[in-house]
Amino acid sequence: LLGAVSQRMDAEILHESQAGTTTGVQLDASYRAL
């Protein structure tokens, strides 16, 4: 037993180059290569 789960999260790839904006969307270079 590791412990009781207090938070459950889904990690989704972040495509925006600027935090908190909806403009200047730019795919991560590594994700584009993938």
Full PDB file with SEQRES, HELIX, SHEET, SSBOND, CRYST1, ORIGX, SCALE, CONECT and MASTER records, all heavy atoms in Angstrom:
SEQRES   1 A   34  LEU LEU GLY ALA VAL SER GLN ARG MET ASP ALA GLU ILE          
SEQRES   2 A   34  LEU HIS GLU SER GLN ALA GLY THR THR THR GLY VAL GLN          
SEQRES   3 A   34  LEU ASP ALA SER TYR ARG ALA LEU                              
HELIX    1 AA1 ALA A   29  ALA A   33  1                                   5    
CRYST1    1.000    1.000    1.000  90.00  90.00  90.00 P 1           1          
ORIGX1      1.000000  0.000000  0.000000        0.00000                         
ORIGX2      0.000000  1.000000  0.000000        0.00000                         
ORIGX3      0.000000  0.000000  1.000000        0.00000                         
SCALE1      1.000000  0.000000  0.000000        0.00000                         
SCALE2      0.000000  1.000000  0.000000        0.00000                         
SCALE3      0.000000  0.000000  1.000000        0.00000                         
ATOM      1  N   LEU A   1       0.840  -1.197   0.000  1.00  0.00           N  
ATOM      2  CA  LEU A   1       0.000   0.000   0.000  1.00  0.00           C  
ATOM      3  C   LEU A   1       0.876   1.248   0.000  1.00  0.00           C  
ATOM      4  O   LEU A   1       1.785   1.388   0.836  1.00  0.00           O  
ATOM      5  CB  LEU A   1      -0.914  -0.010   1.229  1.00  0.00           C  
ATOM      6  CG  LEU A   1      -1.814   1.214   1.405  1.00  0.00           C  
ATOM      7  CD1 LEU A   1      -2.797   1.324   0.247  1.00  0.00           C  
ATOM      8  CD2 LEU A   1      -2.560   1.143   2.736  1.00  0.00           C  
ATOM      9  N   LEU A   2       0.594   2.145  -0.945  1.00  0.00           N  
ATOM     10  CA  LEU A   2       1.351   3.385  -1.037  1.00  0.00           C  
ATOM     11  C   LEU A   2       0.647   4.511  -0.284  1.00  0.00           C  
ATOM     12  O   LEU A   2       1.282   5.341   0.352  1.00  0.00           O  
ATOM     13  CB  LEU A   2       1.546   3.769  -2.506  1.00  0.00           C  
ATOM     14  CG  LEU A   2       2.522   4.909  -2.807  1.00  0.00           C  
ATOM     15  CD1 LEU A   2       3.917   4.554  -2.315  1.00  0.00           C  
ATOM     16  CD2 LEU A   2       2.569   5.185  -4.304  1.00  0.00           C  
ATOM     17  N   GLY A   3      -0.691   4.548  -0.368  1.00  0.00           N  
ATOM     18  CA  GLY A   3      -1.426   5.582   0.344  1.00  0.00           C  
ATOM     19  C   GLY A   3      -2.805   5.784  -0.250  1.00  0.00           C  
ATOM     20  O   GLY A   3      -3.191   5.136  -1.234  1.00  0.00           O  
ATOM     21  N   ALA A   4      -3.569   6.683   0.378  1.00  0.00           N  
ATOM     22  CA  ALA A   4      -4.910   7.011  -0.098  1.00  0.00           C  
ATOM     23  C   ALA A   4      -4.826   8.109  -1.151  1.00  0.00           C  
ATOM     24  O   ALA A   4      -4.084   9.085  -0.995  1.00  0.00           O  
ATOM     25  CB  ALA A   4      -5.790   7.458   1.069  1.00  0.00           C  
ATOM     26  N   VAL A   5      -5.582   7.966  -2.239  1.00  0.00           N  
ATOM     27  CA  VAL A   5      -5.552   8.943  -3.326  1.00  0.00           C  
ATOM     28  C   VAL A   5      -6.373  10.160  -2.923  1.00  0.00           C  
ATOM     29  O   VAL A   5      -7.576  10.065  -2.647  1.00  0.00           O  
ATOM     30  CB  VAL A   5      -6.106   8.333  -4.627  1.00  0.00           C  
ATOM     31  CG1 VAL A   5      -6.144   9.387  -5.725  1.00  0.00           C  
ATOM     32  CG2 VAL A   5      -5.263   7.139  -5.055  1.00  0.00           C  
ATOM     33  N   SER A   6      -5.707  11.307  -2.868  1.00  0.00           N  
ATOM     34  CA  SER A   6      -6.398  12.549  -2.521  1.00  0.00           C  
ATOM     35  C   SER A   6      -6.668  13.419  -3.735  1.00  0.00           C  
ATOM     36  O   SER A   6      -7.583  14.239  -3.722  1.00  0.00           O  
ATOM     37  CB  SER A   6      -5.565  13.341  -1.504  1.00  0.00           C  
ATOM     38  OG  SER A   6      -4.297  13.681  -2.061  1.00  0.00           O  
ATOM     39  N   GLN A   7      -5.869  13.245  -4.792  1.00  0.00           N  
ATOM     40  CA  GLN A   7      -6.066  14.004  -6.030  1.00  0.00           C  
ATOM     41  C   GLN A   7      -5.846  13.062  -7.215  1.00  0.00           C  
ATOM     42  O   GLN A   7      -4.930  12.232  -7.191  1.00  0.00           O  
ATOM     43  CB  GLN A   7      -5.077  15.185  -6.127  1.00  0.00           C  
ATOM     44  CG  GLN A   7      -5.221  16.238  -5.047  1.00  0.00           C  
ATOM     45  CD  GLN A   7      -6.453  17.099  -5.265  1.00  0.00           C  
ATOM     46  OE1 GLN A   7      -6.931  17.242  -6.384  1.00  0.00           O  
ATOM     47  NE2 GLN A   7      -6.964  17.689  -4.188  1.00  0.00           N  
ATOM     48  N   ARG A   8      -6.687  13.212  -8.206  1.00  0.00           N  
ATOM     49  CA  ARG A   8      -6.511  12.442  -9.440  1.00  0.00           C  
ATOM     50  C   ARG A   8      -6.430  13.413 -10.600  1.00  0.00           C  
ATOM     51  O   ARG A   8      -7.308  14.271 -10.775  1.00  0.00           O  
ATOM     52  CB  ARG A   8      -7.656  11.456  -9.644  1.00  0.00           C  
ATOM     53  CG  ARG A   8      -7.434  10.528 -10.831  1.00  0.00           C  
ATOM     54  CD  ARG A   8      -8.417   9.377 -10.834  1.00  0.00           C  
ATOM     55  NE  ARG A   8      -9.797   9.818 -11.010  1.00  0.00           N  
ATOM     56  CZ  ARG A   8     -10.835   8.990 -11.019  1.00  0.00           C  
ATOM     57  NH1 ARG A   8     -10.640   7.699 -10.825  1.00  0.00           N  
ATOM     58  NH2 ARG A   8     -12.048   9.451 -11.183  1.00  0.00           N  
ATOM     59  N   MET A   9      -5.375  13.295 -11.393  1.00  0.00           N  
ATOM     60  CA  MET A   9      -5.101  14.230 -12.484  1.00  0.00           C  
ATOM     61  C   MET A   9      -4.906  13.483 -13.800  1.00  0.00           C  
ATOM     62  O   MET A   9      -4.450  12.337 -13.815  1.00  0.00           O  
ATOM     63  CB  MET A   9      -3.841  15.049 -12.184  1.00  0.00           C  
ATOM     64  CG  MET A   9      -3.877  15.806 -10.866  1.00  0.00           C  
ATOM     65  SD  MET A   9      -4.837  17.313 -10.999  1.00  0.00           S  
ATOM     66  CE  MET A   9      -4.548  18.017  -9.364  1.00  0.00           C  
ATOM     67  N   ASP A  10      -5.217  14.172 -14.905  1.00  0.00           N  
ATOM     68  CA  ASP A  10      -4.912  13.694 -16.254  1.00  0.00           C  
ATOM     69  C   ASP A  10      -3.901  14.646 -16.869  1.00  0.00           C  
ATOM     70  O   ASP A  10      -4.164  15.857 -16.983  1.00  0.00           O  
ATOM     71  CB  ASP A  10      -6.170  13.643 -17.122  1.00  0.00           C  
ATOM     72  CG  ASP A  10      -7.136  12.568 -16.663  1.00  0.00           C  
ATOM     73  OD1 ASP A  10      -6.667  11.563 -16.119  1.00  0.00           O  
ATOM     74  OD2 ASP A  10      -8.360  12.735 -16.840  1.00  0.00           O  
ATOM     75  N   ALA A  11      -2.736  14.123 -17.238  1.00  0.00           N  
ATOM     76  CA  ALA A  11      -1.696  14.954 -17.847  1.00  0.00           C  
ATOM     77  C   ALA A  11      -1.953  15.061 -19.347  1.00  0.00           C  
ATOM     78  O   ALA A  11      -1.870  14.071 -20.064  1.00  0.00           O  
ATOM     79  CB  ALA A  11      -0.317  14.361 -17.576  1.00  0.00           C  
ATOM     80  N   GLU A  12      -2.260  16.275 -19.802  1.00  0.00           N  
ATOM     81  CA  GLU A  12      -2.530  16.516 -21.219  1.00  0.00           C  
ATOM     82  C   GLU A  12      -1.430  17.391 -21.799  1.00  0.00           C  
ATOM     83  O   GLU A  12      -0.979  18.349 -21.166  1.00  0.00           O  
ATOM     84  CB  GLU A  12      -3.889  17.195 -21.390  1.00  0.00           C  
ATOM     85  CG  GLU A  12      -5.052  16.361 -20.867  1.00  0.00           C  
ATOM     86  CD  GLU A  12      -6.389  17.087 -20.989  1.00  0.00           C  
ATOM     87  OE1 GLU A  12      -6.349  18.327 -21.210  1.00  0.00           O  
ATOM     88  OE2 GLU A  12      -7.439  16.440 -20.862  1.00  0.00           O  
ATOM     89  N   ILE A  13      -1.009  17.059 -23.000  1.00  0.00           N  
ATOM     90  CA  ILE A  13       0.080  17.802 -23.642  1.00  0.00           C  
ATOM     91  C   ILE A  13      -0.328  19.255 -23.823  1.00  0.00           C  
ATOM     92  O   ILE A  13      -1.426  19.558 -24.306  1.00  0.00           O  
ATOM     93  CB  ILE A  13       0.436  17.175 -24.996  1.00  0.00           C  
ATOM     94  CG1 ILE A  13       0.895  15.729 -24.788  1.00  0.00           C  
ATOM     95  CG2 ILE A  13       1.521  17.971 -25.709  1.00  0.00           C  
ATOM     96  CD1 ILE A  13       1.058  14.952 -26.071  1.00  0.00           C  
ATOM     97  N   LEU A  14       0.547  20.175 -23.418  1.00  0.00           N  
ATOM     98  CA  LEU A  14       0.271  21.606 -23.528  1.00  0.00           C  
ATOM     99  C   LEU A  14       0.803  22.111 -24.859  1.00  0.00           C  
ATOM    100  O   LEU A  14       1.990  22.000 -25.149  1.00  0.00           O  
ATOM    101  CB  LEU A  14       0.936  22.351 -22.363  1.00  0.00           C  
ATOM    102  CG  LEU A  14       0.560  23.816 -22.206  1.00  0.00           C  
ATOM    103  CD1 LEU A  14      -0.907  23.953 -21.841  1.00  0.00           C  
ATOM    104  CD2 LEU A  14       1.419  24.464 -21.126  1.00  0.00           C  
ATOM    105  N   HIS A  15      -0.087  22.668 -25.678  1.00  0.00           N  
ATOM    106  CA  HIS A  15       0.302  23.117 -27.012  1.00  0.00           C  
ATOM    107  C   HIS A  15       0.585  24.616 -27.086  1.00  0.00           C  
ATOM    108  O   HIS A  15       1.101  25.101 -28.081  1.00  0.00           O  
ATOM    109  CB  HIS A  15      -0.810  22.806 -28.014  1.00  0.00           C  
ATOM    110  CG  HIS A  15      -1.127  21.350 -28.097  1.00  0.00           C  
ATOM    111  ND1 HIS A  15      -0.166  20.386 -28.133  1.00  0.00           N  
ATOM    112  CD2 HIS A  15      -2.317  20.702 -28.152  1.00  0.00           C  
ATOM    113  CE1 HIS A  15      -0.736  19.186 -28.222  1.00  0.00           C  
ATOM    114  NE2 HIS A  15      -2.043  19.351 -28.208  1.00  0.00           N  
ATOM    115  N   GLU A  16       0.250  25.362 -26.089  1.00  0.00           N  
ATOM    116  CA  GLU A  16       0.416  26.816 -26.158  1.00  0.00           C  
ATOM    117  C   GLU A  16       1.809  27.220 -25.717  1.00  0.00           C  
ATOM    118  O   GLU A  16       2.379  26.671 -24.780  1.00  0.00           O  
ATOM    119  CB  GLU A  16      -0.627  27.501 -25.278  1.00  0.00           C  
ATOM    120  CG  GLU A  16      -2.053  27.295 -25.758  1.00  0.00           C  
ATOM    121  CD  GLU A  16      -3.059  27.979 -24.866  1.00  0.00           C  
ATOM    122  OE1 GLU A  16      -2.649  28.497 -23.808  1.00  0.00           O  
ATOM    123  OE2 GLU A  16      -4.236  27.995 -25.223  1.00  0.00           O  
ATOM    124  N   SER A  17       2.357  28.200 -26.409  1.00  0.00           N  
ATOM    125  CA  SER A  17       3.705  28.666 -26.099  1.00  0.00           C  
ATOM    126  C   SER A  17       3.692  29.722 -25.015  1.00  0.00           C  
ATOM    127  O   SER A  17       4.709  29.983 -24.384  1.00  0.00           O  
ATOM    128  CB  SER A  17       4.369  29.222 -27.361  1.00  0.00           C  
ATOM    129  OG  SER A  17       3.606  30.314 -27.866  1.00  0.00           O  
ATOM    130  N   GLN A  18       2.553  30.343 -24.784  1.00  0.00           N  
ATOM    131  CA  GLN A  18       2.450  31.375 -23.769  1.00  0.00           C  
ATOM    132  C   GLN A  18       1.399  30.973 -22.753  1.00  0.00           C  
ATOM    133  O   GLN A  18       0.289  30.604 -23.119  1.00  0.00           O  
ATOM    134  CB  GLN A  18       2.065  32.729 -24.396  1.00  0.00           C  
ATOM    135  CG  GLN A  18       3.110  33.226 -25.387  1.00  0.00           C  
ATOM    136  CD  GLN A  18       2.698  34.533 -26.009  1.00  0.00           C  
ATOM    137  OE1 GLN A  18       1.597  35.008 -25.790  1.00  0.00           O  
ATOM    138  NE2 GLN A  18       3.603  35.121 -26.781  1.00  0.00           N  
ATOM    139  N   ALA A  19       1.728  31.041 -21.489  1.00  0.00           N  
ATOM    140  CA  ALA A  19       0.825  30.602 -20.431  1.00  0.00           C  
ATOM    141  C   ALA A  19      -0.357  31.539 -20.312  1.00  0.00           C  
ATOM    142  O   ALA A  19      -0.208  32.765 -20.330  1.00  0.00           O  
ATOM    143  CB  ALA A  19       1.567  30.552 -19.093  1.00  0.00           C  
ATOM    144  N   GLY A  20      -1.547  30.965 -20.194  1.00  0.00           N  
ATOM    145  CA  GLY A  20      -2.742  31.749 -19.916  1.00  0.00           C  
ATOM    146  C   GLY A  20      -3.227  32.577 -21.058  1.00  0.00           C  
ATOM    147  O   GLY A  20      -4.018  33.506 -20.856  1.00  0.00           O  
ATOM    148  N   THR A  21      -2.798  32.315 -22.310  1.00  0.00           N  
ATOM    149  CA  THR A  21      -3.259  33.094 -23.455  1.00  0.00           C  
ATOM    150  C   THR A  21      -3.899  32.159 -24.456  1.00  0.00           C  
ATOM    151  O   THR A  21      -3.647  30.966 -24.470  1.00  0.00           O  
ATOM    152  CB  THR A  21      -2.100  33.857 -24.124  1.00  0.00           C  
ATOM    153  OG1 THR A  21      -1.200  32.902 -24.688  1.00  0.00           O  
ATOM    154  CG2 THR A  21      -1.358  34.717 -23.119  1.00  0.00           C  
ATOM    155  N   THR A  22      -4.696  32.741 -25.303  1.00  0.00           N  
ATOM    156  CA  THR A  22      -5.313  31.971 -26.385  1.00  0.00           C  
ATOM    157  C   THR A  22      -4.772  32.415 -27.728  1.00  0.00           C  
ATOM    158  O   THR A  22      -5.266  31.998 -28.757  1.00  0.00           O  
ATOM    159  CB  THR A  22      -6.834  32.156 -26.363  1.00  0.00           C  
ATOM    160  OG1 THR A  22      -7.145  33.547 -26.437  1.00  0.00           O  
ATOM    161  CG2 THR A  22      -7.426  31.585 -25.078  1.00  0.00           C  
ATOM    162  N   THR A  23      -3.782  33.285 -27.706  1.00  0.00           N  
ATOM    163  CA  THR A  23      -3.174  33.750 -28.954  1.00  0.00           C  
ATOM    164  C   THR A  23      -1.751  33.217 -29.021  1.00  0.00           C  
ATOM    165  O   THR A  23      -1.152  32.812 -28.016  1.00  0.00           O  
ATOM    166  CB  THR A  23      -3.149  35.286 -29.020  1.00  0.00           C  
ATOM    167  OG1 THR A  23      -2.404  35.775 -27.887  1.00  0.00           O  
ATOM    168  CG2 THR A  23      -4.558  35.848 -28.958  1.00  0.00           C  
ATOM    169  N   GLY A  24      -1.168  33.305 -30.190  1.00  0.00           N  
ATOM    170  CA  GLY A  24       0.193  32.833 -30.366  1.00  0.00           C  
ATOM    171  C   GLY A  24       0.342  31.351 -30.129  1.00  0.00           C  
ATOM    172  O   GLY A  24       1.345  30.896 -29.603  1.00  0.00           O  
ATOM    173  N   VAL A  25      -0.690  30.553 -30.522  1.00  0.00           N  
ATOM    174  CA  VAL A  25      -0.632  29.115 -30.309  1.00  0.00           C  
ATOM    175  C   VAL A  25       0.488  28.523 -31.153  1.00  0.00           C  
ATOM    176  O   VAL A  25       0.596  28.792 -32.333  1.00  0.00           O  
ATOM    177  CB  VAL A  25      -1.971  28.461 -30.667  1.00  0.00           C  
ATOM    178  CG1 VAL A  25      -1.860  26.941 -30.529  1.00  0.00           C  
ATOM    179  CG2 VAL A  25      -3.065  29.000 -29.761  1.00  0.00           C  
ATOM    180  N   GLN A  26       1.324  27.711 -30.512  1.00  0.00           N  
ATOM    181  CA  GLN A  26       2.460  27.125 -31.209  1.00  0.00           C  
ATOM    182  C   GLN A  26       2.712  25.728 -30.659  1.00  0.00           C  
ATOM    183  O   GLN A  26       2.869  25.556 -29.454  1.00  0.00           O  
ATOM    184  CB  GLN A  26       3.708  28.000 -31.020  1.00  0.00           C  
ATOM    185  CG  GLN A  26       4.937  27.442 -31.739  1.00  0.00           C  
ATOM    186  CD  GLN A  26       6.130  28.341 -31.546  1.00  0.00           C  
ATOM    187  OE1 GLN A  26       6.027  29.389 -30.915  1.00  0.00           O  
ATOM    188  NE2 GLN A  26       7.251  27.936 -32.075  1.00  0.00           N  
ATOM    189  N   LEU A  27       2.740  24.741 -31.495  1.00  0.00           N  
ATOM    190  CA  LEU A  27       2.980  23.379 -31.053  1.00  0.00           C  
ATOM    191  C   LEU A  27       4.391  23.234 -30.508  1.00  0.00           C  
ATOM    192  O   LEU A  27       5.346  23.798 -31.053  1.00  0.00           O  
ATOM    193  CB  LEU A  27       2.777  22.395 -32.206  1.00  0.00           C  
ATOM    194  CG  LEU A  27       1.337  22.157 -32.667  1.00  0.00           C  
ATOM    195  CD1 LEU A  27       1.352  21.213 -33.848  1.00  0.00           C  
ATOM    196  CD2 LEU A  27       0.492  21.596 -31.546  1.00  0.00           C  
ATOM    197  N   ASP A  28       4.515  22.483 -29.419  1.00  0.00           N  
ATOM    198  CA  ASP A  28       5.816  22.167 -28.874  1.00  0.00           C  
ATOM    199  C   ASP A  28       6.635  21.435 -29.938  1.00  0.00           C  
ATOM    200  O   ASP A  28       6.145  20.546 -30.613  1.00  0.00           O  
ATOM    201  CB  ASP A  28       5.632  21.289 -27.629  1.00  0.00           C  
ATOM    202  CG  ASP A  28       6.950  20.976 -26.956  1.00  0.00           C  
ATOM    203  OD1 ASP A  28       7.633  20.054 -27.432  1.00  0.00           O  
ATOM    204  OD2 ASP A  28       7.283  21.650 -25.976  1.00  0.00           O  
ATOM    205  N   ALA A  29       7.910  21.829 -30.081  1.00  0.00           N  
ATOM    206  CA  ALA A  29       8.747  21.247 -31.137  1.00  0.00           C  
ATOM    207  C   ALA A  29       8.900  19.738 -30.971  1.00  0.00           C  
ATOM    208  O   ALA A  29       8.878  18.990 -31.944  1.00  0.00           O  
ATOM    209  CB  ALA A  29      10.114  21.925 -31.133  1.00  0.00           C  
ATOM    210  N   SER A  30       9.035  19.280 -29.725  1.00  0.00           N  
ATOM    211  CA  SER A  30       9.185  17.846 -29.491  1.00  0.00           C  
ATOM    212  C   SER A  30       7.903  17.099 -29.838  1.00  0.00           C  
ATOM    213  O   SER A  30       7.935  15.998 -30.401  1.00  0.00           O  
ATOM    214  CB  SER A  30       9.550  17.592 -28.022  1.00  0.00           C  
ATOM    215  OG  SER A  30      10.782  18.210 -27.706  1.00  0.00           O  
ATOM    216  N   TYR A  31       6.765  17.725 -29.486  1.00  0.00           N  
ATOM    217  CA  TYR A  31       5.483  17.075 -29.799  1.00  0.00           C  
ATOM    218  C   TYR A  31       5.271  17.034 -31.307  1.00  0.00           C  
ATOM    219  O   TYR A  31       4.747  16.055 -31.840  1.00  0.00           O  
ATOM    220  CB  TYR A  31       4.345  17.849 -29.128  1.00  0.00           C  
ATOM    221  CG  TYR A  31       2.985  17.250 -29.400  1.00  0.00           C  
ATOM    222  CD1 TYR A  31       2.637  16.020 -28.846  1.00  0.00           C  
ATOM    223  CD2 TYR A  31       2.064  17.905 -30.204  1.00  0.00           C  
ATOM    224  CE1 TYR A  31       1.401  15.460 -29.080  1.00  0.00           C  
ATOM    225  CE2 TYR A  31       0.821  17.344 -30.456  1.00  0.00           C  
ATOM    226  CZ  TYR A  31       0.489  16.122 -29.885  1.00  0.00           C  
ATOM    227  OH  TYR A  31      -0.727  15.574 -30.134  1.00  0.00           O  
ATOM    228  N   ARG A  32       5.698  18.097 -32.017  1.00  0.00           N  
ATOM    229  CA  ARG A  32       5.572  18.104 -33.466  1.00  0.00           C  
ATOM    230  C   ARG A  32       6.407  16.978 -34.074  1.00  0.00           C  
ATOM    231  O   ARG A  32       5.962  16.283 -34.986  1.00  0.00           O  
ATOM    232  CB  ARG A  32       6.024  19.453 -34.035  1.00  0.00           C  
ATOM    233  CG  ARG A  32       5.807  19.568 -35.547  1.00  0.00           C  
ATOM    234  CD  ARG A  32       6.396  20.844 -36.118  1.00  0.00           C  
ATOM    235  NE  ARG A  32       5.795  22.014 -35.521  1.00  0.00           N  
ATOM    236  CZ  ARG A  32       6.432  22.827 -34.671  1.00  0.00           C  
ATOM    237  NH1 ARG A  32       7.690  22.567 -34.330  1.00  0.00           N  
ATOM    238  NH2 ARG A  32       5.832  23.881 -34.170  1.00  0.00           N  
ATOM    239  N   ALA A  33       7.612  16.771 -33.556  1.00  0.00           N  
ATOM    240  CA  ALA A  33       8.465  15.693 -34.057  1.00  0.00           C  
ATOM    241  C   ALA A  33       7.837  14.330 -33.769  1.00  0.00           C  
ATOM    242  O   ALA A  33       7.895  13.408 -34.589  1.00  0.00           O  
ATOM    243  CB  ALA A  33       9.851  15.779 -33.418  1.00  0.00           C  
ATOM    244  N   LEU A  34       7.202  14.191 -32.600  1.00  0.00           N  
ATOM    245  CA  LEU A  34       6.563  12.925 -32.240  1.00  0.00           C  
ATOM    246  C   LEU A  34       5.397  12.613 -33.166  1.00  0.00           C  
ATOM    247  O   LEU A  34       5.236  11.490 -33.641  1.00  0.00           O  
ATOM    248  CB  LEU A  34       6.087  12.986 -30.787  1.00  0.00           C  
ATOM    249  CG  LEU A  34       5.381  11.738 -30.240  1.00  0.00           C  
ATOM    250  CD1 LEU A  34       6.337  10.553 -30.220  1.00  0.00           C  
ATOM    251  CD2 LEU A  34       4.833  12.003 -28.842  1.00  0.00           C  
TER     252      LEU A  34                                                      
MASTER        0    0    0    1    0    0    0    6  251    1    0    3          
END                                                                             
